[in-house]
């Protein structure tokens, strides 16, 4: 599924996406906190990765993972809202992939303790970008447009969860394990609290995220497995009792 398809399905304003990307690029030129991608490659290439979504199964999955002897050895990538769950468990993720609509206090705390923030620009988060990005350090900046802008990258993906996977696969990890990636009809408690039409819109976005992950996994030569307890992804699954890596 392509960006042009997504903006038509969801009736998004491409001009706002462009505006947001340009603002993020301008801010990036005023800070020394943007990280070189060579450093990211050293952190991810050939490593075992866990990506944490903010779905309803997140805490169940996290409890299982924390019992693994080798859990500390994984590179941990959070999708936005999952950062709060990690901080509550005193786990500092290596990366948070965020459009800044999750728990900002949790994101700030993680960032202050060394987490790299992969901050995304889109039409609905312009004010959040202006408010928070200048205060953060250790930054990778992304866009969903095809513009060539300084310090901005388009790794692919659309929602925080699938963008986290696209980001990780860009740097050729050994294995990627997905948890908290339910992609069902419910939104987890660590996602932004919404209701009514916004809730229905969120479910539409999650359907797109599911499609993107399934398409990417079908194309990728890297081993990606779903360990979400109640997941709906149609990709390779790990049985509950299996060793993760």
C-alpha atoms as a PDB file:
ATOM      1  CA  UNK A   1       0.000   0.000   0.000  1.00  0.00           C
ATOM      2  CA  UNK A   2       1.387   3.387  -1.028  1.00  0.00           C
ATOM      3  CA  UNK A   3       1.192   6.795   0.658  1.00  0.00           C
ATOM      4  CA  UNK A   4      -1.065   8.112  -2.134  1.00  0.00           C
ATOM      5  CA  UNK A   5      -3.490   5.269  -1.468  1.00  0.00           C
ATOM      6  CA  UNK A   6      -3.523   5.955   2.268  1.00  0.00           C
ATOM      7  CA  UNK A   7      -4.271   9.661   2.003  1.00  0.00           C
ATOM      8  CA  UNK A   8      -7.189   8.881  -0.318  1.00  0.00           C
ATOM      9  CA  UNK A   9      -8.597   6.171   1.975  1.00  0.00           C
ATOM     10  CA  UNK A  10      -8.362   8.383   5.070  1.00  0.00           C
ATOM     11  CA  UNK A  11      -9.001  11.707   3.310  1.00  0.00           C
ATOM     12  CA  UNK A  12      -5.779  13.215   4.671  1.00  0.00           C
ATOM     13  CA  UNK A  13      -4.434  16.644   3.753  1.00  0.00           C
ATOM     14  CA  UNK A  14      -1.137  16.087   1.947  1.00  0.00           C
ATOM     15  CA  UNK A  15      -0.334  19.808   2.152  1.00  0.00           C
ATOM     16  CA  UNK A  16      -0.369  19.609   5.955  1.00  0.00           C
ATOM     17  CA  UNK A  17       1.980  16.622   5.836  1.00  0.00           C
ATOM     18  CA  UNK A  18       4.343  18.694   3.701  1.00  0.00           C
ATOM     19  CA  UNK A  19       4.078  21.677   6.044  1.00  0.00           C
ATOM     20  CA  UNK A  20       4.810  19.511   9.079  1.00  0.00           C
ATOM     21  CA  UNK A  21       7.827  17.926   7.392  1.00  0.00           C
ATOM     22  CA  UNK A  22       9.267  21.314   6.455  1.00  0.00           C
ATOM     23  CA  UNK A  23       8.834  22.625  10.002  1.00  0.00           C
ATOM     24  CA  UNK A  24      10.540  19.545  11.450  1.00  0.00           C
ATOM     25  CA  UNK A  25      13.425  19.946   9.011  1.00  0.00           C
ATOM     26  CA  UNK A  26      13.796  23.621   9.929  1.00  0.00           C
ATOM     27  CA  UNK A  27      13.898  22.766  13.637  1.00  0.00           C
ATOM     28  CA  UNK A  28      16.497  20.070  12.968  1.00  0.00           C
ATOM     29  CA  UNK A  29      18.830  22.677  11.503  1.00  0.00           C
ATOM     30  CA  UNK A  30      18.765  24.543  14.823  1.00  0.00           C
ATOM     31  CA  UNK A  31      19.928  21.620  16.986  1.00  0.00           C
ATOM     32  CA  UNK A  32      22.983  19.399  17.265  1.00  0.00           C
ATOM     33  CA  UNK A  33      20.895  16.467  18.502  1.00  0.00           C
ATOM     34  CA  UNK A  34      20.208  14.770  15.149  1.00  0.00           C
ATOM     35  CA  UNK A  35      21.986  11.405  14.999  1.00  0.00           C
ATOM     36  CA  UNK A  36      23.933  10.062  12.034  1.00  0.00           C
ATOM     37  CA  UNK A  37      22.386   6.945  10.502  1.00  0.00           C
ATOM     38  CA  UNK A  38      25.740   5.142  10.653  1.00  0.00           C
ATOM     39  CA  UNK A  39      25.377   5.110  14.436  1.00  0.00           C
ATOM     40  CA  UNK A  40      21.871   3.648  14.127  1.00  0.00           C
ATOM     41  CA  UNK A  41      23.178   0.917  11.843  1.00  0.00           C
ATOM     42  CA  UNK A  42      25.764  -0.037  14.479  1.00  0.00           C
ATOM     43  CA  UNK A  43      22.968  -0.306  17.068  1.00  0.00           C
ATOM     44  CA  UNK A  44      20.655  -2.487  14.961  1.00  0.00           C
ATOM     45  CA  UNK A  45      22.514  -4.375  12.211  1.00  0.00           C
ATOM     46  CA  UNK A  46      22.781  -8.086  12.969  1.00  0.00           C
ATOM     47  CA  UNK A  47      21.056  -7.692  16.368  1.00  0.00           C
ATOM     48  CA  UNK A  48      17.961  -9.316  17.865  1.00  0.00           C
ATOM     49  CA  UNK A  49      15.161  -6.750  18.068  1.00  0.00           C
ATOM     50  CA  UNK A  50      11.887  -6.559  19.990  1.00  0.00           C
ATOM     51  CA  UNK A  51       9.300  -4.029  18.834  1.00  0.00           C
ATOM     52  CA  UNK A  52       6.624  -3.092  21.375  1.00  0.00           C
ATOM     53  CA  UNK A  53       3.241  -1.928  20.137  1.00  0.00           C
ATOM     54  CA  UNK A  54       0.713  -0.266  22.440  1.00  0.00           C
ATOM     55  CA  UNK A  55      -2.050  -2.816  21.852  1.00  0.00           C
ATOM     56  CA  UNK A  56      -4.201  -4.468  24.561  1.00  0.00           C
ATOM     57  CA  UNK A  57      -1.801  -7.439  24.829  1.00  0.00           C
ATOM     58  CA  UNK A  58       1.215  -5.296  25.662  1.00  0.00           C
ATOM     59  CA  UNK A  59       1.415  -5.980  29.407  1.00  0.00           C
ATOM     60  CA  UNK A  60       0.763  -9.708  28.977  1.00  0.00           C
ATOM     61  CA  UNK A  61       3.551  -9.856  26.413  1.00  0.00           C
ATOM     62  CA  UNK A  62       5.900  -7.740  28.497  1.00  0.00           C
ATOM     63  CA  UNK A  63       5.397  -9.983  31.527  1.00  0.00           C
ATOM     64  CA  UNK A  64       6.365 -13.031  29.453  1.00  0.00           C
ATOM     65  CA  UNK A  65       9.400 -11.287  27.984  1.00  0.00           C
ATOM     66  CA  UNK A  66      10.731 -10.111  31.330  1.00  0.00           C
ATOM     67  CA  UNK A  67      11.001 -13.760  32.415  1.00  0.00           C
ATOM     68  CA  UNK A  68      13.432 -14.551  29.583  1.00  0.00           C
ATOM     69  CA  UNK A  69      17.066 -14.839  30.606  1.00  0.00           C
ATOM     70  CA  UNK A  70      18.236 -13.047  27.465  1.00  0.00           C
ATOM     71  CA  UNK A  71      15.643 -10.244  27.527  1.00  0.00           C
ATOM     72  CA  UNK A  72      18.241  -7.612  28.441  1.00  0.00           C
ATOM     73  CA  UNK A  73      20.249  -8.490  25.334  1.00  0.00           C
ATOM     74  CA  UNK A  74      17.547  -7.441  22.874  1.00  0.00           C
ATOM     75  CA  UNK A  75      17.462  -4.033  21.226  1.00  0.00           C
ATOM     76  CA  UNK A  76      14.115  -2.626  22.345  1.00  0.00           C
ATOM     77  CA  UNK A  77      12.058  -0.384  20.069  1.00  0.00           C
ATOM     78  CA  UNK A  78       8.787   1.133  21.356  1.00  0.00           C
ATOM     79  CA  UNK A  79       5.881   2.449  19.370  1.00  0.00           C
ATOM     80  CA  UNK A  80       4.881   5.721  21.061  1.00  0.00           C
ATOM     81  CA  UNK A  81       2.344   4.815  23.772  1.00  0.00           C
ATOM     82  CA  UNK A  82       4.212   1.629  24.719  1.00  0.00           C
ATOM     83  CA  UNK A  83       6.910   3.854  26.213  1.00  0.00           C
ATOM     84  CA  UNK A  84       4.760   4.495  29.297  1.00  0.00           C
ATOM     85  CA  UNK A  85       4.409   0.765  29.975  1.00  0.00           C
ATOM     86  CA  UNK A  86       8.167   0.322  29.632  1.00  0.00           C
ATOM     87  CA  UNK A  87       8.941   3.190  31.997  1.00  0.00           C
ATOM     88  CA  UNK A  88       6.455   1.832  34.540  1.00  0.00           C
ATOM     89  CA  UNK A  89       8.412  -1.440  34.469  1.00  0.00           C
ATOM     90  CA  UNK A  90      11.708   0.476  34.801  1.00  0.00           C
ATOM     91  CA  UNK A  91      12.820  -0.578  31.316  1.00  0.00           C
ATOM     92  CA  UNK A  92      14.519   2.074  29.192  1.00  0.00           C
ATOM     93  CA  UNK A  93      13.923   1.388  25.485  1.00  0.00           C
ATOM     94  CA  UNK A  94      16.724   1.894  22.987  1.00  0.00           C
ATOM     95  CA  UNK A  95      14.351   3.652  20.587  1.00  0.00           C
ATOM     96  CA  UNK A  96      10.895   5.219  20.694  1.00  0.00           C
ATOM     97  CA  UNK A  97       9.105   5.721  17.375  1.00  0.00           C
ATOM     98  CA  UNK A  98       6.603   8.494  17.949  1.00  0.00           C
ATOM     99  CA  UNK A  99       4.394  11.139  16.386  1.00  0.00           C
ATOM    100  CA  UNK A 100       4.228  12.740  19.853  1.00  0.00           C
ATOM    101  CA  UNK A 101       0.632  11.891  20.740  1.00  0.00           C
ATOM    102  CA  UNK A 102       1.602   9.348  23.419  1.00  0.00           C
ATOM    103  CA  UNK A 103       2.574  10.007  27.035  1.00  0.00           C
ATOM    104  CA  UNK A 104       5.039  12.887  26.664  1.00  0.00           C
ATOM    105  CA  UNK A 105       6.294  12.567  30.258  1.00  0.00           C
ATOM    106  CA  UNK A 106       7.281   8.943  29.626  1.00  0.00           C
ATOM    107  CA  UNK A 107       8.938   9.876  26.340  1.00  0.00           C
ATOM    108  CA  UNK A 108      10.839  12.703  28.056  1.00  0.00           C
ATOM    109  CA  UNK A 109      12.019  10.445  30.873  1.00  0.00           C
ATOM    110  CA  UNK A 110      13.243   7.787  28.466  1.00  0.00           C
ATOM    111  CA  UNK A 111      14.965  10.371  26.284  1.00  0.00           C
ATOM    112  CA  UNK A 112      16.730  11.898  29.284  1.00  0.00           C
ATOM    113  CA  UNK A 113      18.019   8.416  30.127  1.00  0.00           C
ATOM    114  CA  UNK A 114      19.445   7.823  26.658  1.00  0.00           C
ATOM    115  CA  UNK A 115      16.582   6.618  24.461  1.00  0.00           C
ATOM    116  CA  UNK A 116      16.840   7.662  20.825  1.00  0.00           C
ATOM    117  CA  UNK A 117      13.626   9.286  19.580  1.00  0.00           C
ATOM    118  CA  UNK A 118      12.461   8.599  16.034  1.00  0.00           C
ATOM    119  CA  UNK A 119      10.075  11.555  15.671  1.00  0.00           C
ATOM    120  CA  UNK A 120       7.590  11.591  12.823  1.00  0.00           C
ATOM    121  CA  UNK A 121       6.017  14.603  11.087  1.00  0.00           C
ATOM    122  CA  UNK A 122       2.465  14.542   9.763  1.00  0.00           C
ATOM    123  CA  UNK A 123      -0.347  17.011   9.301  1.00  0.00           C
ATOM    124  CA  UNK A 124      -1.903  16.574  12.740  1.00  0.00           C
ATOM    125  CA  UNK A 125       1.137  17.074  14.969  1.00  0.00           C
ATOM    126  CA  UNK A 126       2.601  20.400  13.857  1.00  0.00           C
ATOM    127  CA  UNK A 127       2.087  22.095  17.234  1.00  0.00           C
ATOM    128  CA  UNK A 128       3.529  19.118  19.113  1.00  0.00           C
ATOM    129  CA  UNK A 129       6.617  19.227  16.893  1.00  0.00           C
ATOM    130  CA  UNK A 130       7.104  22.931  17.582  1.00  0.00           C
ATOM    131  CA  UNK A 131       6.596  22.444  21.324  1.00  0.00           C
ATOM    132  CA  UNK A 132       8.588  19.314  22.083  1.00  0.00           C
ATOM    133  CA  UNK A 133      11.224  18.569  19.441  1.00  0.00           C
ATOM    134  CA  UNK A 134      13.496  21.499  20.425  1.00  0.00           C
ATOM    135  CA  UNK A 135      13.570  20.087  23.979  1.00  0.00           C
ATOM    136  CA  UNK A 136      14.621  16.563  22.996  1.00  0.00           C
ATOM    137  CA  UNK A 137      18.043  15.046  22.308  1.00  0.00           C
ATOM    138  CA  UNK A 138      19.218  11.948  20.388  1.00  0.00           C
ATOM    139  CA  UNK A 139      16.910  12.452  17.425  1.00  0.00           C
ATOM    140  CA  UNK A 140      16.090  10.675  14.176  1.00  0.00           C
ATOM    141  CA  UNK A 141      13.452  12.576  12.196  1.00  0.00           C
ATOM    142  CA  UNK A 142      10.993  11.101   9.698  1.00  0.00           C
ATOM    143  CA  UNK A 143       8.323  12.057   7.195  1.00  0.00           C
ATOM    144  CA  UNK A 144       5.698  10.193   5.189  1.00  0.00           C
ATOM    145  CA  UNK A 145       6.111  12.495   2.197  1.00  0.00           C
ATOM    146  CA  UNK A 146       8.580  12.024  -0.645  1.00  0.00           C
ATOM    147  CA  UNK A 147      10.186  15.427  -0.084  1.00  0.00           C
ATOM    148  CA  UNK A 148      13.977  15.585   0.081  1.00  0.00           C
ATOM    149  CA  UNK A 149      14.487  17.651   3.228  1.00  0.00           C
ATOM    150  CA  UNK A 150      17.552  18.062   5.389  1.00  0.00           C
ATOM    151  CA  UNK A 151      17.767  15.544   8.271  1.00  0.00           C
ATOM    152  CA  UNK A 152      14.433  13.896   7.382  1.00  0.00           C
ATOM    153  CA  UNK A 153      14.048  10.263   6.316  1.00  0.00           C
ATOM    154  CA  UNK A 154      11.188   8.210   4.945  1.00  0.00           C
ATOM    155  CA  UNK A 155      11.752   4.621   6.099  1.00  0.00           C
ATOM    156  CA  UNK A 156       8.170   3.659   5.207  1.00  0.00           C
ATOM    157  CA  UNK A 157       5.143   2.750   7.256  1.00  0.00           C
ATOM    158  CA  UNK A 158       2.253   4.848   8.497  1.00  0.00           C
ATOM    159  CA  UNK A 159       1.266   4.213  12.141  1.00  0.00           C
ATOM    160  CA  UNK A 160       3.832   4.178  14.952  1.00  0.00           C
ATOM    161  CA  UNK A 161       3.869   0.378  15.145  1.00  0.00           C
ATOM    162  CA  UNK A 162       4.456  -0.394  11.503  1.00  0.00           C
ATOM    163  CA  UNK A 163       6.874   2.516  11.138  1.00  0.00           C
ATOM    164  CA  UNK A 164       8.903   0.993  13.966  1.00  0.00           C
ATOM    165  CA  UNK A 165       9.176  -2.230  11.952  1.00  0.00           C
ATOM    166  CA  UNK A 166      10.091  -0.443   8.711  1.00  0.00           C
ATOM    167  CA  UNK A 167      12.709   1.555  10.627  1.00  0.00           C
ATOM    168  CA  UNK A 168      14.268  -1.560  12.168  1.00  0.00           C
ATOM    169  CA  UNK A 169      14.347  -3.518   8.909  1.00  0.00           C
ATOM    170  CA  UNK A 170      16.122  -0.655   7.148  1.00  0.00           C
ATOM    171  CA  UNK A 171      19.241  -1.457   9.193  1.00  0.00           C
ATOM    172  CA  UNK A 172      19.192  -5.245   8.664  1.00  0.00           C
ATOM    173  CA  UNK A 173      18.733  -6.786  12.109  1.00  0.00           C
ATOM    174  CA  UNK A 174      19.126 -10.527  12.634  1.00  0.00           C
ATOM    175  CA  UNK A 175      15.630 -11.188  14.017  1.00  0.00           C
ATOM    176  CA  UNK A 176      12.617  -8.988  14.827  1.00  0.00           C
ATOM    177  CA  UNK A 177      10.006 -10.018  17.411  1.00  0.00           C
ATOM    178  CA  UNK A 178       6.700  -8.114  17.533  1.00  0.00           C
ATOM    179  CA  UNK A 179       4.735  -7.819  20.784  1.00  0.00           C
ATOM    180  CA  UNK A 180       1.748  -5.691  21.773  1.00  0.00           C
ATOM    181  CA  UNK A 181       0.699  -5.673  18.115  1.00  0.00           C
ATOM    182  CA  UNK A 182      -2.921  -6.849  18.413  1.00  0.00           C
ATOM    183  CA  UNK A 183      -4.438  -5.108  15.384  1.00  0.00           C
ATOM    184  CA  UNK A 184      -7.909  -6.143  16.531  1.00  0.00           C
ATOM    185  CA  UNK A 185     -11.054  -4.137  17.231  1.00  0.00           C
ATOM    186  CA  UNK A 186      -9.869  -2.699  20.554  1.00  0.00           C
ATOM    187  CA  UNK A 187      -7.328  -0.020  21.381  1.00  0.00           C
ATOM    188  CA  UNK A 188      -4.941  -0.632  24.276  1.00  0.00           C
ATOM    189  CA  UNK A 189      -4.895   1.437  27.456  1.00  0.00           C
ATOM    190  CA  UNK A 190      -1.449   2.805  26.560  1.00  0.00           C
ATOM    191  CA  UNK A 191      -2.744   4.343  23.343  1.00  0.00           C
ATOM    192  CA  UNK A 192      -4.134   7.863  23.323  1.00  0.00           C
ATOM    193  CA  UNK A 193      -7.608   8.015  24.902  1.00  0.00           C
ATOM    194  CA  UNK A 194     -10.162   8.742  22.178  1.00  0.00           C
ATOM    195  CA  UNK A 195     -13.815   8.026  21.462  1.00  0.00           C
ATOM    196  CA  UNK A 196     -16.528   8.343  18.839  1.00  0.00           C
ATOM    197  CA  UNK A 197     -15.435   9.196  15.319  1.00  0.00           C
ATOM    198  CA  UNK A 198     -11.792   9.532  16.354  1.00  0.00           C
ATOM    199  CA  UNK A 199     -11.906   5.977  17.725  1.00  0.00           C
ATOM    200  CA  UNK A 200     -13.314   4.672  14.452  1.00  0.00           C
ATOM    201  CA  UNK A 201     -10.672   6.625  12.536  1.00  0.00           C
ATOM    202  CA  UNK A 202      -7.974   5.042  14.725  1.00  0.00           C
ATOM    203  CA  UNK A 203      -9.272   1.566  13.866  1.00  0.00           C
ATOM    204  CA  UNK A 204      -9.054   2.434  10.165  1.00  0.00           C
ATOM    205  CA  UNK A 205      -5.436   3.482  10.671  1.00  0.00           C
ATOM    206  CA  UNK A 206      -4.690   0.240  12.494  1.00  0.00           C
ATOM    207  CA  UNK A 207      -6.110  -1.758   9.581  1.00  0.00           C
ATOM    208  CA  UNK A 208      -3.696   0.063   7.307  1.00  0.00           C
ATOM    209  CA  UNK A 209      -0.832  -0.587   9.719  1.00  0.00           C
ATOM    210  CA  UNK A 210      -1.676  -4.298   9.725  1.00  0.00           C
ATOM    211  CA  UNK A 211      -1.645  -4.438   5.925  1.00  0.00           C
ATOM    212  CA  UNK A 212       1.686  -2.622   5.778  1.00  0.00           C
ATOM    213  CA  UNK A 213       3.332  -4.992   8.263  1.00  0.00           C
ATOM    214  CA  UNK A 214       2.039  -8.062   6.456  1.00  0.00           C
ATOM    215  CA  UNK A 215       3.196  -6.723   3.102  1.00  0.00           C
ATOM    216  CA  UNK A 216       6.621  -5.799   4.458  1.00  0.00           C
ATOM    217  CA  UNK A 217       7.139  -9.181   6.129  1.00  0.00           C
ATOM    218  CA  UNK A 218       6.183 -10.968   2.914  1.00  0.00           C
ATOM    219  CA  UNK A 219       8.842  -8.988   1.050  1.00  0.00           C
ATOM    220  CA  UNK A 220      11.600  -9.071   3.667  1.00  0.00           C
ATOM    221  CA  UNK A 221      14.319 -11.719   3.903  1.00  0.00           C
ATOM    222  CA  UNK A 222      14.757 -10.907   7.599  1.00  0.00           C
ATOM    223  CA  UNK A 223      13.038 -13.192  10.101  1.00  0.00           C
ATOM    224  CA  UNK A 224      10.095 -11.303  11.638  1.00  0.00           C
ATOM    225  CA  UNK A 225       7.872 -13.146  14.144  1.00  0.00           C
ATOM    226  CA  UNK A 226       4.747 -12.113  16.021  1.00  0.00           C
ATOM    227  CA  UNK A 227       4.696 -12.984  19.746  1.00  0.00           C
ATOM    228  CA  UNK A 228       1.611 -10.919  20.561  1.00  0.00           C
ATOM    229  CA  UNK A 229      -0.627 -13.008  22.823  1.00  0.00           C
ATOM    230  CA  UNK A 230      -3.862 -11.976  21.101  1.00  0.00           C
ATOM    231  CA  UNK A 231      -2.448 -10.817  17.793  1.00  0.00           C
ATOM    232  CA  UNK A 232      -4.222 -10.799  14.430  1.00  0.00           C
ATOM    233  CA  UNK A 233      -1.227 -10.343  12.148  1.00  0.00           C
ATOM    234  CA  UNK A 234      -0.987 -12.892   9.350  1.00  0.00           C
ATOM    235  CA  UNK A 235       2.751 -13.424   9.654  1.00  0.00           C
ATOM    236  CA  UNK A 236       4.972 -16.061  11.256  1.00  0.00           C
ATOM    237  CA  UNK A 237       3.974 -16.591  14.888  1.00  0.00           C
ATOM    238  CA  UNK A 238       5.931 -17.885  17.837  1.00  0.00           C
ATOM    239  CA  UNK A 239       4.102 -20.354  20.076  1.00  0.00           C
ATOM    240  CA  UNK A 240       3.707 -19.124  23.703  1.00  0.00           C
ATOM    241  CA  UNK A 241       6.224 -21.620  25.048  1.00  0.00           C
ATOM    242  CA  UNK A 242       8.876 -21.087  22.393  1.00  0.00           C
ATOM    243  CA  UNK A 243      12.235 -19.538  23.067  1.00  0.00           C
ATOM    244  CA  UNK A 244      12.262 -16.099  21.471  1.00  0.00           C
ATOM    245  CA  UNK A 245      15.880 -16.295  20.279  1.00  0.00           C
END
